[in-house]
């Protein structure tokens, strides 16, 4: 059986690096810590990989030139990928809707939702198919 080459993935190499950092953090720290500790460790892991990061990145929601809302992404990586982290064992619709809102507001294509559970780390790649490219 031949291997299929995926040409449709958004930022595949960058995603691989981001997800690898999340697994490294969880493998080192283990489960059960506060979300802020995972965020600090993930920040360090991204820096060690040489990724350009912005933490707690502010992005306003504007209407006719007036700021009507504020968004703070956990991370913006290389100006292209939002990384939002959560602590727990499940994803909720609220988490996914939050990340989609971030993508729409920032007009970006990809977010990675990372969930640090007690026994494992998991992730979801969320693509903004409505982005005007």
C-alpha atoms as a PDB file:
ATOM      1  CA  UNK A   1       0.000   0.000   0.000  1.00  0.00           C
ATOM      2  CA  UNK A   2       1.453   3.372  -0.957  1.00  0.00           C
ATOM      3  CA  UNK A   3       1.660   6.259   1.451  1.00  0.00           C
ATOM      4  CA  UNK A   4      -0.489   9.254   0.723  1.00  0.00           C
ATOM      5  CA  UNK A   5       1.216  12.621   0.766  1.00  0.00           C
ATOM      6  CA  UNK A   6      -0.880  15.286   2.472  1.00  0.00           C
ATOM      7  CA  UNK A   7      -0.732  18.515   0.502  1.00  0.00           C
ATOM      8  CA  UNK A   8      -3.825  19.917   2.141  1.00  0.00           C
ATOM      9  CA  UNK A   9      -2.469  20.444   5.663  1.00  0.00           C
ATOM     10  CA  UNK A  10      -2.067  24.040   6.784  1.00  0.00           C
ATOM     11  CA  UNK A  11       1.444  24.799   8.099  1.00  0.00           C
ATOM     12  CA  UNK A  12       2.397  21.116   8.534  1.00  0.00           C
ATOM     13  CA  UNK A  13       6.010  21.628   9.678  1.00  0.00           C
ATOM     14  CA  UNK A  14       5.142  24.413  12.113  1.00  0.00           C
ATOM     15  CA  UNK A  15       2.243  22.333  13.479  1.00  0.00           C
ATOM     16  CA  UNK A  16       4.576  19.386  13.990  1.00  0.00           C
ATOM     17  CA  UNK A  17       6.972  21.577  16.005  1.00  0.00           C
ATOM     18  CA  UNK A  18       4.182  23.094  18.123  1.00  0.00           C
ATOM     19  CA  UNK A  19       2.631  19.715  18.916  1.00  0.00           C
ATOM     20  CA  UNK A  20       6.051  18.230  19.660  1.00  0.00           C
ATOM     21  CA  UNK A  21       6.646  20.989  22.212  1.00  0.00           C
ATOM     22  CA  UNK A  22       3.311  20.223  23.891  1.00  0.00           C
ATOM     23  CA  UNK A  23       4.191  16.529  24.186  1.00  0.00           C
ATOM     24  CA  UNK A  24       7.639  17.392  25.526  1.00  0.00           C
ATOM     25  CA  UNK A  25       6.131  19.648  28.203  1.00  0.00           C
ATOM     26  CA  UNK A  26       3.626  17.011  29.311  1.00  0.00           C
ATOM     27  CA  UNK A  27       6.218  14.231  29.269  1.00  0.00           C
ATOM     28  CA  UNK A  28       8.481  16.351  31.473  1.00  0.00           C
ATOM     29  CA  UNK A  29       5.946  17.880  33.880  1.00  0.00           C
ATOM     30  CA  UNK A  30       3.275  15.191  33.919  1.00  0.00           C
ATOM     31  CA  UNK A  31      -0.388  15.869  34.527  1.00  0.00           C
ATOM     32  CA  UNK A  32      -2.386  17.736  37.116  1.00  0.00           C
ATOM     33  CA  UNK A  33      -0.683  21.143  37.163  1.00  0.00           C
ATOM     34  CA  UNK A  34      -2.284  24.564  36.816  1.00  0.00           C
ATOM     35  CA  UNK A  35      -2.766  25.834  33.267  1.00  0.00           C
ATOM     36  CA  UNK A  36      -0.410  28.765  33.896  1.00  0.00           C
ATOM     37  CA  UNK A  37       2.470  26.351  34.580  1.00  0.00           C
ATOM     38  CA  UNK A  38       1.884  24.551  31.311  1.00  0.00           C
ATOM     39  CA  UNK A  39       1.798  27.923  29.572  1.00  0.00           C
ATOM     40  CA  UNK A  40       5.143  28.959  31.076  1.00  0.00           C
ATOM     41  CA  UNK A  41       6.737  25.636  30.158  1.00  0.00           C
ATOM     42  CA  UNK A  42       5.303  25.736  26.653  1.00  0.00           C
ATOM     43  CA  UNK A  43       6.677  29.245  26.193  1.00  0.00           C
ATOM     44  CA  UNK A  44      10.138  27.982  27.122  1.00  0.00           C
ATOM     45  CA  UNK A  45       9.783  24.970  24.805  1.00  0.00           C
ATOM     46  CA  UNK A  46       8.781  27.204  21.873  1.00  0.00           C
ATOM     47  CA  UNK A  47      11.746  29.496  22.484  1.00  0.00           C
ATOM     48  CA  UNK A  48      14.156  26.566  22.654  1.00  0.00           C
ATOM     49  CA  UNK A  49      12.821  25.413  19.258  1.00  0.00           C
ATOM     50  CA  UNK A  50      13.555  28.874  17.868  1.00  0.00           C
ATOM     51  CA  UNK A  51       9.913  29.688  17.167  1.00  0.00           C
ATOM     52  CA  UNK A  52       8.858  33.336  17.078  1.00  0.00           C
ATOM     53  CA  UNK A  53       6.184  33.674  19.733  1.00  0.00           C
ATOM     54  CA  UNK A  54       3.948  36.317  21.191  1.00  0.00           C
ATOM     55  CA  UNK A  55       2.344  35.435  24.517  1.00  0.00           C
ATOM     56  CA  UNK A  56      -1.035  36.651  25.693  1.00  0.00           C
ATOM     57  CA  UNK A  57      -1.268  38.347  22.317  1.00  0.00           C
ATOM     58  CA  UNK A  58      -3.871  41.124  22.296  1.00  0.00           C
ATOM     59  CA  UNK A  59      -6.095  41.328  19.257  1.00  0.00           C
ATOM     60  CA  UNK A  60      -9.012  43.785  19.234  1.00  0.00           C
ATOM     61  CA  UNK A  61     -12.459  43.172  17.789  1.00  0.00           C
ATOM     62  CA  UNK A  62     -13.367  46.261  15.777  1.00  0.00           C
ATOM     63  CA  UNK A  63     -16.588  47.593  14.340  1.00  0.00           C
ATOM     64  CA  UNK A  64     -16.278  50.541  11.974  1.00  0.00           C
ATOM     65  CA  UNK A  65     -12.922  51.484  13.460  1.00  0.00           C
ATOM     66  CA  UNK A  66     -14.124  51.264  17.072  1.00  0.00           C
ATOM     67  CA  UNK A  67     -12.829  48.554  19.407  1.00  0.00           C
ATOM     68  CA  UNK A  68     -15.869  46.711  20.760  1.00  0.00           C
ATOM     69  CA  UNK A  69     -14.088  43.684  22.191  1.00  0.00           C
ATOM     70  CA  UNK A  70     -10.737  42.303  23.197  1.00  0.00           C
ATOM     71  CA  UNK A  71      -9.164  38.927  22.535  1.00  0.00           C
ATOM     72  CA  UNK A  72      -6.046  37.527  24.148  1.00  0.00           C
ATOM     73  CA  UNK A  73      -4.556  34.452  22.490  1.00  0.00           C
ATOM     74  CA  UNK A  74      -2.347  32.270  24.694  1.00  0.00           C
ATOM     75  CA  UNK A  75       0.242  32.237  21.895  1.00  0.00           C
ATOM     76  CA  UNK A  76       0.672  33.513  18.363  1.00  0.00           C
ATOM     77  CA  UNK A  77       3.407  31.490  16.673  1.00  0.00           C
ATOM     78  CA  UNK A  78       5.376  32.904  13.732  1.00  0.00           C
ATOM     79  CA  UNK A  79       2.522  35.343  13.116  1.00  0.00           C
ATOM     80  CA  UNK A  80       0.448  32.536  11.615  1.00  0.00           C
ATOM     81  CA  UNK A  81      -0.793  30.012  14.171  1.00  0.00           C
ATOM     82  CA  UNK A  82      -2.815  30.602  17.314  1.00  0.00           C
ATOM     83  CA  UNK A  83      -2.102  28.177  20.150  1.00  0.00           C
ATOM     84  CA  UNK A  84      -4.680  28.025  22.910  1.00  0.00           C
ATOM     85  CA  UNK A  85      -4.070  25.783  25.897  1.00  0.00           C
ATOM     86  CA  UNK A  86      -6.544  24.162  28.253  1.00  0.00           C
ATOM     87  CA  UNK A  87      -6.284  21.863  31.241  1.00  0.00           C
ATOM     88  CA  UNK A  88      -8.550  18.869  31.563  1.00  0.00           C
ATOM     89  CA  UNK A  89      -9.453  15.632  29.865  1.00  0.00           C
ATOM     90  CA  UNK A  90     -12.103  16.812  27.393  1.00  0.00           C
ATOM     91  CA  UNK A  91     -12.670  19.462  24.770  1.00  0.00           C
ATOM     92  CA  UNK A  92     -15.871  21.411  25.004  1.00  0.00           C
ATOM     93  CA  UNK A  93     -17.821  23.148  22.273  1.00  0.00           C
ATOM     94  CA  UNK A  94     -17.066  26.363  24.163  1.00  0.00           C
ATOM     95  CA  UNK A  95     -13.298  25.803  23.732  1.00  0.00           C
ATOM     96  CA  UNK A  96     -13.640  25.175  20.000  1.00  0.00           C
ATOM     97  CA  UNK A  97     -15.987  28.139  19.512  1.00  0.00           C
ATOM     98  CA  UNK A  98     -13.532  30.366  21.387  1.00  0.00           C
ATOM     99  CA  UNK A  99     -10.669  29.369  19.088  1.00  0.00           C
ATOM    100  CA  UNK A 100     -12.808  29.790  15.959  1.00  0.00           C
ATOM    101  CA  UNK A 101     -13.722  33.286  17.139  1.00  0.00           C
ATOM    102  CA  UNK A 102     -10.024  34.071  17.524  1.00  0.00           C
ATOM    103  CA  UNK A 103      -9.305  32.816  14.002  1.00  0.00           C
ATOM    104  CA  UNK A 104     -12.141  34.845  12.483  1.00  0.00           C
ATOM    105  CA  UNK A 105     -11.205  38.009  14.382  1.00  0.00           C
ATOM    106  CA  UNK A 106      -7.521  37.790  13.486  1.00  0.00           C
ATOM    107  CA  UNK A 107      -8.218  36.555   9.936  1.00  0.00           C
ATOM    108  CA  UNK A 108      -5.826  33.651  10.433  1.00  0.00           C
ATOM    109  CA  UNK A 109      -6.039  30.177   8.983  1.00  0.00           C
ATOM    110  CA  UNK A 110      -4.948  27.786  11.756  1.00  0.00           C
ATOM    111  CA  UNK A 111      -5.224  27.346  15.501  1.00  0.00           C
ATOM    112  CA  UNK A 112      -4.060  24.456  17.625  1.00  0.00           C
ATOM    113  CA  UNK A 113      -6.019  23.749  20.772  1.00  0.00           C
ATOM    114  CA  UNK A 114      -3.796  21.875  23.242  1.00  0.00           C
ATOM    115  CA  UNK A 115      -5.369  20.094  26.187  1.00  0.00           C
ATOM    116  CA  UNK A 116      -3.128  19.083  29.081  1.00  0.00           C
ATOM    117  CA  UNK A 117      -4.951  16.205  30.749  1.00  0.00           C
ATOM    118  CA  UNK A 118      -4.049  14.299  33.866  1.00  0.00           C
ATOM    119  CA  UNK A 119      -2.776  11.277  31.932  1.00  0.00           C
ATOM    120  CA  UNK A 120      -1.984  12.678  28.489  1.00  0.00           C
ATOM    121  CA  UNK A 121      -1.788  15.694  26.250  1.00  0.00           C
ATOM    122  CA  UNK A 122      -4.059  15.947  23.239  1.00  0.00           C
ATOM    123  CA  UNK A 123      -4.557  18.498  20.515  1.00  0.00           C
ATOM    124  CA  UNK A 124      -6.980  19.631  17.849  1.00  0.00           C
ATOM    125  CA  UNK A 125      -6.041  21.494  14.709  1.00  0.00           C
ATOM    126  CA  UNK A 126      -8.792  23.995  13.922  1.00  0.00           C
ATOM    127  CA  UNK A 127      -8.867  25.499  10.450  1.00  0.00           C
ATOM    128  CA  UNK A 128     -10.640  28.691   9.479  1.00  0.00           C
ATOM    129  CA  UNK A 129     -12.116  27.751   6.110  1.00  0.00           C
ATOM    130  CA  UNK A 130     -13.788  31.170   5.832  1.00  0.00           C
ATOM    131  CA  UNK A 131     -10.505  33.081   5.849  1.00  0.00           C
ATOM    132  CA  UNK A 132     -10.138  35.483   2.958  1.00  0.00           C
ATOM    133  CA  UNK A 133      -6.818  34.488   1.405  1.00  0.00           C
END
